Amino acid sequence: MTVIPQGRTRRTTLTGVLCAVVVAGTGLTGCSQEDPDAGTNGVGRLPAEQIQARTRTAAESADAVHLSGNVVSDGRTYRLDMRLKTDGATGSVTSGGVTFGLLRIGEQLYLKADAEFWGQVDENGKATGAAEKLDGKYVKVPQGDPAYKRFSGFTDKDVLLDGLLTLHGTLTKDGHHKQSGVRTIRITGGKGTGGTLDVSLEGRPYPLRLVRAGGAGTLIFSDWGKEFPLEQPEKSETVDYGKQLPTS
């Protein structure tokens, strides 16, 4: 039979009592809980407003990002899959079941789509009229055309992120989570009604997942700072339609 020294028994009992007091006073489930912010970049310890400021700064300073997901605007849903950087972008947008590609190099914007997008097909689905010429080609979008302003917004990293990374209402923290295996701290606006944003706790505090207010879409951000090439399309694959694109 092992004899436990009386002093050790008292210390053990005292520790148990202190643990019970701490748990009762803080709502914790045990005295040995791990710090969820241990080994992170530390933004999880900041107030929600400061977390938002840090993640905006990180996003603005990044050279590139891959953005994918859905955006609802003016009653229309757009499926985005875009790689963005300061001097251009490449990717695709799907709306109303029709997908078109976008490529911007500097100020020059190209749109690539099939005949269905241009709205000129016969009963057999064959391209007719202008659509026959534009089908599957990189079409230069004139800067004076209304389509330029509408579509270039999907390719402008700074404008797009500034409009998206906004939560409405009072900001609060909503616990620790994970996005694609990366630990995050979640902040919400208006207790979730104003949107939620997951911010990386590893490395720079980049935004990783955004749920927009009012069911206006969910977006995933990845490949922050990862360079990608932008190449002018071949002349044989390019169509310059002049000052204004054809309308369907």
C-alpha atoms as a PDB file:
ATOM      1  CA  MET A   1       0.000   0.000   0.000  1.00  0.00           C
ATOM      2  CA  THR A   2       1.387   3.354  -1.089  1.00  0.00           C
ATOM      3  CA  VAL A   3       1.273   6.111   1.487  1.00  0.00           C
ATOM      4  CA  ILE A   4       0.636   9.603   0.081  1.00  0.00           C
ATOM      5  CA  PRO A   5       2.248  12.350   2.149  1.00  0.00           C
ATOM      6  CA  GLN A   6      -0.296  14.505   3.943  1.00  0.00           C
ATOM      7  CA  GLY A   7       1.110  17.739   2.447  1.00  0.00           C
ATOM      8  CA  ARG A   8       0.630  16.463  -1.101  1.00  0.00           C
ATOM      9  CA  THR A   9      -2.980  15.549  -0.355  1.00  0.00           C
ATOM     10  CA  ARG A  10      -3.689  19.044   0.896  1.00  0.00           C
ATOM     11  CA  ARG A  11      -2.062  20.628  -2.187  1.00  0.00           C
ATOM     12  CA  THR A  12      -4.069  18.387  -4.528  1.00  0.00           C
ATOM     13  CA  THR A  13      -7.304  19.224  -2.742  1.00  0.00           C
ATOM     14  CA  LEU A  14      -6.522  22.943  -2.794  1.00  0.00           C
ATOM     15  CA  THR A  15      -5.731  22.846  -6.519  1.00  0.00           C
ATOM     16  CA  GLY A  16      -9.033  21.135  -7.220  1.00  0.00           C
ATOM     17  CA  VAL A  17     -10.935  23.746  -5.232  1.00  0.00           C
ATOM     18  CA  LEU A  18      -9.176  26.627  -7.024  1.00  0.00           C
ATOM     19  CA  CYS A  19      -9.875  25.059 -10.417  1.00  0.00           C
ATOM     20  CA  ALA A  20     -13.563  24.745  -9.571  1.00  0.00           C
ATOM     21  CA  VAL A  21     -13.669  28.412  -8.558  1.00  0.00           C
ATOM     22  CA  VAL A  22     -11.965  29.555 -11.767  1.00  0.00           C
ATOM     23  CA  VAL A  23     -14.255  27.439 -13.947  1.00  0.00           C
ATOM     24  CA  ALA A  24     -17.359  28.691 -12.167  1.00  0.00           C
ATOM     25  CA  GLY A  25     -16.266  32.289 -12.507  1.00  0.00           C
ATOM     26  CA  THR A  26     -15.254  32.242 -16.190  1.00  0.00           C
ATOM     27  CA  GLY A  27     -17.458  29.671 -17.851  1.00  0.00           C
ATOM     28  CA  LEU A  28     -14.440  27.624 -18.962  1.00  0.00           C
ATOM     29  CA  THR A  29     -14.712  23.858 -19.151  1.00  0.00           C
ATOM     30  CA  GLY A  30     -11.435  23.106 -17.423  1.00  0.00           C
ATOM     31  CA  CYS A  31      -8.253  24.582 -16.015  1.00  0.00           C
ATOM     32  CA  SER A  32      -6.072  23.026 -18.702  1.00  0.00           C
ATOM     33  CA  GLN A  33      -7.783  24.719 -21.707  1.00  0.00           C
ATOM     34  CA  GLU A  34      -5.321  25.618 -24.444  1.00  0.00           C
ATOM     35  CA  ASP A  35      -4.942  29.180 -25.667  1.00  0.00           C
ATOM     36  CA  PRO A  36      -6.542  29.202 -29.173  1.00  0.00           C
ATOM     37  CA  ASP A  37      -4.253  32.065 -30.186  1.00  0.00           C
ATOM     38  CA  ALA A  38      -1.029  30.342 -29.141  1.00  0.00           C
ATOM     39  CA  GLY A  39       1.402  30.159 -32.047  1.00  0.00           C
ATOM     40  CA  THR A  40      -0.711  32.446 -34.256  1.00  0.00           C
ATOM     41  CA  ASN A  41      -0.086  35.914 -35.678  1.00  0.00           C
ATOM     42  CA  GLY A  42      -1.916  37.322 -32.651  1.00  0.00           C
ATOM     43  CA  VAL A  43      -4.773  39.167 -34.390  1.00  0.00           C
ATOM     44  CA  GLY A  44      -7.289  36.887 -32.676  1.00  0.00           C
ATOM     45  CA  ARG A  45      -6.586  38.720 -29.428  1.00  0.00           C
ATOM     46  CA  LEU A  46      -7.487  42.114 -30.921  1.00  0.00           C
ATOM     47  CA  PRO A  47     -10.921  43.777 -30.918  1.00  0.00           C
ATOM     48  CA  ALA A  48     -13.025  43.120 -34.027  1.00  0.00           C
ATOM     49  CA  GLU A  49     -12.519  46.640 -35.404  1.00  0.00           C
ATOM     50  CA  GLN A  50      -8.739  46.256 -35.277  1.00  0.00           C
ATOM     51  CA  ILE A  51      -8.925  42.826 -36.899  1.00  0.00           C
ATOM     52  CA  GLN A  52     -10.878  44.303 -39.800  1.00  0.00           C
ATOM     53  CA  ALA A  53      -8.338  47.118 -40.157  1.00  0.00           C
ATOM     54  CA  ARG A  54      -5.429  44.639 -40.150  1.00  0.00           C
ATOM     55  CA  THR A  55      -7.014  42.347 -42.742  1.00  0.00           C
ATOM     56  CA  ARG A  56      -7.810  45.277 -45.041  1.00  0.00           C
ATOM     57  CA  THR A  57      -4.206  46.467 -44.834  1.00  0.00           C
ATOM     58  CA  ALA A  58      -2.926  42.957 -45.608  1.00  0.00           C
ATOM     59  CA  ALA A  59      -5.279  42.587 -48.589  1.00  0.00           C
ATOM     60  CA  GLU A  60      -4.402  45.990 -50.031  1.00  0.00           C
ATOM     61  CA  SER A  61      -0.667  45.352 -49.780  1.00  0.00           C
ATOM     62  CA  ALA A  62      -0.766  41.907 -51.421  1.00  0.00           C
ATOM     63  CA  ASP A  63       0.401  41.763 -55.043  1.00  0.00           C
ATOM     64  CA  ALA A  64      -2.139  39.139 -56.095  1.00  0.00           C
ATOM     65  CA  VAL A  65      -5.088  37.008 -54.993  1.00  0.00           C
ATOM     66  CA  HIS A  66      -7.370  34.256 -56.280  1.00  0.00           C
ATOM     67  CA  LEU A  67     -11.043  35.017 -55.689  1.00  0.00           C
ATOM     68  CA  SER A  68     -13.843  32.496 -56.238  1.00  0.00           C
ATOM     69  CA  GLY A  69     -17.487  32.198 -55.289  1.00  0.00           C
ATOM     70  CA  ASN A  70     -20.847  33.855 -55.819  1.00  0.00           C
ATOM     71  CA  VAL A  71     -21.844  37.506 -55.766  1.00  0.00           C
ATOM     72  CA  VAL A  72     -25.460  38.674 -55.934  1.00  0.00           C
ATOM     73  CA  SER A  73     -25.884  42.153 -57.380  1.00  0.00           C
ATOM     74  CA  ASP A  74     -29.081  43.862 -58.594  1.00  0.00           C
ATOM     75  CA  GLY A  75     -30.923  40.560 -58.372  1.00  0.00           C
ATOM     76  CA  ARG A  76     -28.420  38.693 -60.555  1.00  0.00           C
ATOM     77  CA  THR A  77     -26.021  36.025 -59.343  1.00  0.00           C
ATOM     78  CA  TYR A  78     -22.478  36.016 -60.682  1.00  0.00           C
ATOM     79  CA  ARG A  79     -20.148  33.086 -60.236  1.00  0.00           C
ATOM     80  CA  LEU A  80     -16.582  34.423 -60.121  1.00  0.00           C
ATOM     81  CA  ASP A  81     -13.291  32.623 -60.596  1.00  0.00           C
ATOM     82  CA  MET A  82     -10.736  35.395 -60.951  1.00  0.00           C
ATOM     83  CA  ARG A  83      -7.017  35.842 -60.393  1.00  0.00           C
ATOM     84  CA  LEU A  84      -6.332  39.490 -59.646  1.00  0.00           C
ATOM     85  CA  LYS A  85      -3.291  41.692 -59.341  1.00  0.00           C
ATOM     86  CA  THR A  86      -2.530  45.375 -59.540  1.00  0.00           C
ATOM     87  CA  ASP A  87      -1.878  45.587 -63.277  1.00  0.00           C
ATOM     88  CA  GLY A  88      -4.463  43.106 -64.525  1.00  0.00           C
ATOM     89  CA  ALA A  89      -6.526  39.987 -64.063  1.00  0.00           C
ATOM     90  CA  THR A  90      -7.676  36.786 -65.730  1.00  0.00           C
ATOM     91  CA  GLY A  91     -10.533  34.399 -65.090  1.00  0.00           C
ATOM     92  CA  SER A  92     -14.178  33.728 -65.777  1.00  0.00           C
ATOM     93  CA  VAL A  93     -17.624  34.939 -64.789  1.00  0.00           C
ATOM     94  CA  THR A  94     -20.852  32.935 -65.061  1.00  0.00           C
ATOM     95  CA  SER A  95     -24.273  34.554 -65.039  1.00  0.00           C
ATOM     96  CA  GLY A  96     -27.634  33.201 -66.161  1.00  0.00           C
ATOM     97  CA  GLY A  97     -26.017  29.924 -67.138  1.00  0.00           C
ATOM     98  CA  VAL A  98     -23.634  31.653 -69.560  1.00  0.00           C
ATOM     99  CA  THR A  99     -19.879  31.777 -68.879  1.00  0.00           C
ATOM    100  CA  PHE A 100     -17.485  34.335 -70.332  1.00  0.00           C
ATOM    101  CA  GLY A 101     -13.786  34.897 -69.826  1.00  0.00           C
ATOM    102  CA  LEU A 102     -12.159  38.167 -68.854  1.00  0.00           C
ATOM    103  CA  LEU A 103      -8.559  39.220 -69.379  1.00  0.00           C
ATOM    104  CA  ARG A 104      -7.239  42.650 -68.447  1.00  0.00           C
ATOM    105  CA  ILE A 105      -3.682  43.766 -69.091  1.00  0.00           C
ATOM    106  CA  GLY A 106      -3.149  47.322 -67.953  1.00  0.00           C
ATOM    107  CA  GLU A 107      -6.078  49.324 -69.324  1.00  0.00           C
ATOM    108  CA  GLN A 108      -6.865  46.874 -72.132  1.00  0.00           C
ATOM    109  CA  LEU A 109      -9.814  44.590 -71.393  1.00  0.00           C
ATOM    110  CA  TYR A 110     -10.648  41.474 -73.400  1.00  0.00           C
ATOM    111  CA  LEU A 111     -13.846  39.465 -73.251  1.00  0.00           C
ATOM    112  CA  LYS A 112     -14.008  35.892 -74.531  1.00  0.00           C
ATOM    113  CA  ALA A 113     -17.342  34.135 -74.964  1.00  0.00           C
ATOM    114  CA  ASP A 114     -19.272  31.842 -77.249  1.00  0.00           C
ATOM    115  CA  ALA A 115     -22.100  32.772 -79.594  1.00  0.00           C
ATOM    116  CA  GLU A 116     -24.752  32.271 -76.918  1.00  0.00           C
ATOM    117  CA  PHE A 117     -23.281  35.161 -74.932  1.00  0.00           C
ATOM    118  CA  TRP A 118     -23.465  37.445 -77.955  1.00  0.00           C
ATOM    119  CA  GLY A 119     -27.096  36.401 -78.401  1.00  0.00           C
ATOM    120  CA  GLN A 120     -26.967  35.516 -82.077  1.00  0.00           C
ATOM    121  CA  VAL A 121     -27.544  31.823 -82.765  1.00  0.00           C
ATOM    122  CA  ASP A 122     -29.982  30.044 -85.042  1.00  0.00           C
ATOM    123  CA  GLU A 123     -32.443  27.330 -84.029  1.00  0.00           C
ATOM    124  CA  ASN A 124     -29.660  24.764 -84.272  1.00  0.00           C
ATOM    125  CA  GLY A 125     -27.423  26.730 -81.910  1.00  0.00           C
ATOM    126  CA  LYS A 126     -25.093  27.836 -84.719  1.00  0.00           C
ATOM    127  CA  ALA A 127     -23.574  31.303 -84.529  1.00  0.00           C
ATOM    128  CA  THR A 128     -24.963  33.877 -86.942  1.00  0.00           C
ATOM    129  CA  GLY A 129     -24.208  37.497 -87.769  1.00  0.00           C
ATOM    130  CA  ALA A 130     -21.614  39.227 -85.584  1.00  0.00           C
ATOM    131  CA  ALA A 131     -21.601  36.291 -83.152  1.00  0.00           C
ATOM    132  CA  GLU A 132     -20.038  34.099 -85.829  1.00  0.00           C
ATOM    133  CA  LYS A 133     -17.064  36.437 -85.938  1.00  0.00           C
ATOM    134  CA  LEU A 134     -16.818  36.831 -82.156  1.00  0.00           C
ATOM    135  CA  ASP A 135     -17.490  33.239 -81.081  1.00  0.00           C
ATOM    136  CA  GLY A 136     -14.591  31.978 -78.955  1.00  0.00           C
ATOM    137  CA  LYS A 137     -12.400  35.009 -79.685  1.00  0.00           C
ATOM    138  CA  TYR A 138     -10.749  37.549 -77.411  1.00  0.00           C
ATOM    139  CA  VAL A 139     -12.758  40.677 -78.134  1.00  0.00           C
ATOM    140  CA  LYS A 140     -11.207  44.031 -77.263  1.00  0.00           C
ATOM    141  CA  VAL A 141     -13.677  45.970 -75.137  1.00  0.00           C
ATOM    142  CA  PRO A 142     -13.596  49.675 -76.065  1.00  0.00           C
ATOM    143  CA  GLN A 143     -13.151  51.896 -72.999  1.00  0.00           C
ATOM    144  CA  GLY A 144     -16.074  54.045 -74.128  1.00  0.00           C
ATOM    145  CA  ASP A 145     -18.429  51.084 -74.294  1.00  0.00           C
ATOM    146  CA  PRO A 146     -20.804  50.596 -71.304  1.00  0.00           C
ATOM    147  CA  ALA A 147     -19.574  46.988 -71.082  1.00  0.00           C
ATOM    148  CA  TYR A 148     -16.089  48.213 -70.185  1.00  0.00           C
ATOM    149  CA  LYS A 149     -17.176  49.758 -66.908  1.00  0.00           C
ATOM    150  CA  ARG A 150     -19.482  46.838 -66.102  1.00  0.00           C
ATOM    151  CA  PHE A 151     -16.950  44.079 -66.708  1.00  0.00           C
ATOM    152  CA  SER A 152     -13.701  45.811 -65.731  1.00  0.00           C
ATOM    153  CA  GLY A 153     -14.997  45.958 -62.155  1.00  0.00           C
ATOM    154  CA  PHE A 154     -14.566  42.186 -61.980  1.00  0.00           C
ATOM    155  CA  THR A 155     -10.873  42.615 -62.882  1.00  0.00           C
ATOM    156  CA  ASP A 156      -9.838  45.506 -60.626  1.00  0.00           C
ATOM    157  CA  LYS A 157      -8.314  44.089 -57.446  1.00  0.00           C
ATOM    158  CA  ASP A 158      -8.450  47.276 -55.387  1.00  0.00           C
ATOM    159  CA  VAL A 159     -11.980  48.279 -56.386  1.00  0.00           C
ATOM    160  CA  LEU A 160     -13.354  44.765 -56.017  1.00  0.00           C
ATOM    161  CA  LEU A 161     -11.831  44.116 -52.597  1.00  0.00           C
ATOM    162  CA  ASP A 162     -12.755  47.551 -51.287  1.00  0.00           C
ATOM    163  CA  GLY A 163     -16.382  46.886 -52.160  1.00  0.00           C
ATOM    164  CA  LEU A 164     -16.432  43.325 -50.865  1.00  0.00           C
ATOM    165  CA  LEU A 165     -14.479  43.496 -47.606  1.00  0.00           C
ATOM    166  CA  THR A 166     -17.148  45.518 -45.838  1.00  0.00           C
ATOM    167  CA  LEU A 167     -19.207  44.275 -42.910  1.00  0.00           C
ATOM    168  CA  HIS A 168     -22.315  46.196 -41.865  1.00  0.00           C
ATOM    169  CA  GLY A 169     -23.391  46.957 -38.324  1.00  0.00           C
ATOM    170  CA  THR A 170     -21.504  46.644 -35.052  1.00  0.00           C
ATOM    171  CA  LEU A 171     -18.439  44.421 -35.392  1.00  0.00           C
ATOM    172  CA  THR A 172     -17.913  41.524 -32.999  1.00  0.00           C
ATOM    173  CA  LYS A 173     -15.769  38.398 -32.860  1.00  0.00           C
ATOM    174  CA  ASP A 174     -17.408  35.032 -33.477  1.00  0.00           C
ATOM    175  CA  GLY A 175     -14.822  32.535 -32.322  1.00  0.00           C
ATOM    176  CA  HIS A 176     -12.004  30.534 -33.856  1.00  0.00           C
ATOM    177  CA  HIS A 177     -12.566  28.466 -36.986  1.00  0.00           C
ATOM    178  CA  LYS A 178     -10.710  26.874 -39.906  1.00  0.00           C
ATOM    179  CA  GLN A 179     -10.770  27.589 -43.621  1.00  0.00           C
ATOM    180  CA  SER A 180      -9.069  25.086 -45.930  1.00  0.00           C
ATOM    181  CA  GLY A 181      -7.027  23.828 -42.989  1.00  0.00           C
ATOM    182  CA  VAL A 182      -5.900  27.315 -41.913  1.00  0.00           C
ATOM    183  CA  ARG A 183      -6.838  28.598 -38.467  1.00  0.00           C
ATOM    184  CA  THR A 184      -8.988  31.721 -38.558  1.00  0.00           C
ATOM    185  CA  ILE A 185     -10.682  34.243 -36.349  1.00  0.00           C
ATOM    186  CA  ARG A 186     -14.186  35.150 -37.498  1.00  0.00           C
ATOM    187  CA  ILE A 187     -15.605  38.641 -37.237  1.00  0.00           C
ATOM    188  CA  THR A 188     -19.227  39.534 -37.915  1.00  0.00           C
ATOM    189  CA  GLY A 189     -21.273  42.642 -38.570  1.00  0.00           C
ATOM    190  CA  GLY A 190     -24.617  43.105 -36.876  1.00  0.00           C
ATOM    191  CA  LYS A 191     -24.367  39.706 -35.134  1.00  0.00           C
ATOM    192  CA  GLY A 192     -24.076  38.009 -38.509  1.00  0.00           C
ATOM    193  CA  THR A 193     -26.783  39.878 -40.410  1.00  0.00           C
ATOM    194  CA  GLY A 194     -24.174  42.305 -41.717  1.00  0.00           C
ATOM    195  CA  GLY A 195     -21.880  39.570 -43.045  1.00  0.00           C
ATOM    196  CA  THR A 196     -19.056  37.450 -41.658  1.00  0.00           C
ATOM    197  CA  LEU A 197     -15.356  37.378 -42.459  1.00  0.00           C
ATOM    198  CA  ASP A 198     -12.787  34.695 -41.605  1.00  0.00           C
ATOM    199  CA  VAL A 199      -9.289  36.135 -41.131  1.00  0.00           C
ATOM    200  CA  SER A 200      -6.138  34.025 -41.211  1.00  0.00           C
ATOM    201  CA  LEU A 201      -4.349  33.463 -37.908  1.00  0.00           C
ATOM    202  CA  GLU A 202      -1.328  32.069 -39.752  1.00  0.00           C
ATOM    203  CA  GLY A 203       1.152  34.368 -41.449  1.00  0.00           C
ATOM    204  CA  ARG A 204      -0.312  37.664 -42.571  1.00  0.00           C
ATOM    205  CA  PRO A 205      -3.943  38.272 -41.514  1.00  0.00           C
ATOM    206  CA  TYR A 206      -5.428  37.868 -44.981  1.00  0.00           C
ATOM    207  CA  PRO A 207      -9.189  37.506 -45.426  1.00  0.00           C
ATOM    208  CA  LEU A 208      -9.978  33.901 -46.387  1.00  0.00           C
ATOM    209  CA  ARG A 209     -13.762  33.601 -46.485  1.00  0.00           C
ATOM    210  CA  LEU A 210     -16.499  36.187 -46.753  1.00  0.00           C
ATOM    211  CA  VAL A 211     -20.235  35.659 -46.341  1.00  0.00           C
ATOM    212  CA  ARG A 212     -21.899  38.845 -47.570  1.00  0.00           C
ATOM    213  CA  ALA A 213     -24.784  40.506 -45.801  1.00  0.00           C
ATOM    214  CA  GLY A 214     -28.321  39.718 -46.874  1.00  0.00           C
ATOM    215  CA  GLY A 215     -27.438  36.483 -48.639  1.00  0.00           C
ATOM    216  CA  ALA A 216     -25.511  38.412 -51.300  1.00  0.00           C
ATOM    217  CA  GLY A 217     -22.982  35.635 -51.852  1.00  0.00           C
ATOM    218  CA  THR A 218     -20.016  33.778 -50.397  1.00  0.00           C
ATOM    219  CA  LEU A 219     -16.446  34.268 -51.565  1.00  0.00           C
ATOM    220  CA  ILE A 220     -13.201  32.397 -50.932  1.00  0.00           C
ATOM    221  CA  PHE A 221      -9.819  34.164 -51.086  1.00  0.00           C
ATOM    222  CA  SER A 222      -6.629  32.178 -51.658  1.00  0.00           C
ATOM    223  CA  ASP A 223      -3.123  32.363 -53.158  1.00  0.00           C
ATOM    224  CA  TRP A 224      -2.465  35.746 -51.571  1.00  0.00           C
ATOM    225  CA  GLY A 225       0.722  37.224 -53.032  1.00  0.00           C
ATOM    226  CA  LYS A 226       1.154  34.355 -55.505  1.00  0.00           C
ATOM    227  CA  GLU A 227       2.346  35.698 -58.859  1.00  0.00           C
ATOM    228  CA  PHE A 228       0.718  34.568 -62.119  1.00  0.00           C
ATOM    229  CA  PRO A 229       1.415  35.469 -65.782  1.00  0.00           C
ATOM    230  CA  LEU A 230      -0.677  37.766 -67.956  1.00  0.00           C
ATOM    231  CA  GLU A 231      -0.076  37.332 -71.670  1.00  0.00           C
ATOM    232  CA  GLN A 232      -1.516  39.176 -74.626  1.00  0.00           C
ATOM    233  CA  PRO A 233      -3.677  36.822 -76.720  1.00  0.00           C
ATOM    234  CA  GLU A 234      -2.476  35.872 -80.181  1.00  0.00           C
ATOM    235  CA  LYS A 235      -3.558  38.243 -82.958  1.00  0.00           C
ATOM    236  CA  SER A 236      -5.275  35.361 -84.705  1.00  0.00           C
ATOM    237  CA  GLU A 237      -7.431  34.898 -81.592  1.00  0.00           C
ATOM    238  CA  THR A 238      -8.249  38.581 -81.158  1.00  0.00           C
ATOM    239  CA  VAL A 239     -11.056  40.704 -82.621  1.00  0.00           C
ATOM    240  CA  ASP A 240     -11.132  44.489 -82.454  1.00  0.00           C
ATOM    241  CA  TYR A 241     -14.776  45.453 -82.942  1.00  0.00           C
ATOM    242  CA  GLY A 242     -14.173  49.177 -82.908  1.00  0.00           C
ATOM    243  CA  LYS A 243     -15.746  51.759 -80.635  1.00  0.00           C
ATOM    244  CA  GLN A 244     -18.714  49.716 -79.420  1.00  0.00           C
ATOM    245  CA  LEU A 245     -19.501  46.049 -78.969  1.00  0.00           C
ATOM    246  CA  PRO A 246     -22.517  44.537 -80.731  1.00  0.00           C
ATOM    247  CA  THR A 247     -25.701  44.125 -78.703  1.00  0.00           C
ATOM    248  CA  SER A 248     -27.915  41.076 -78.718  1.00  0.00           C
END
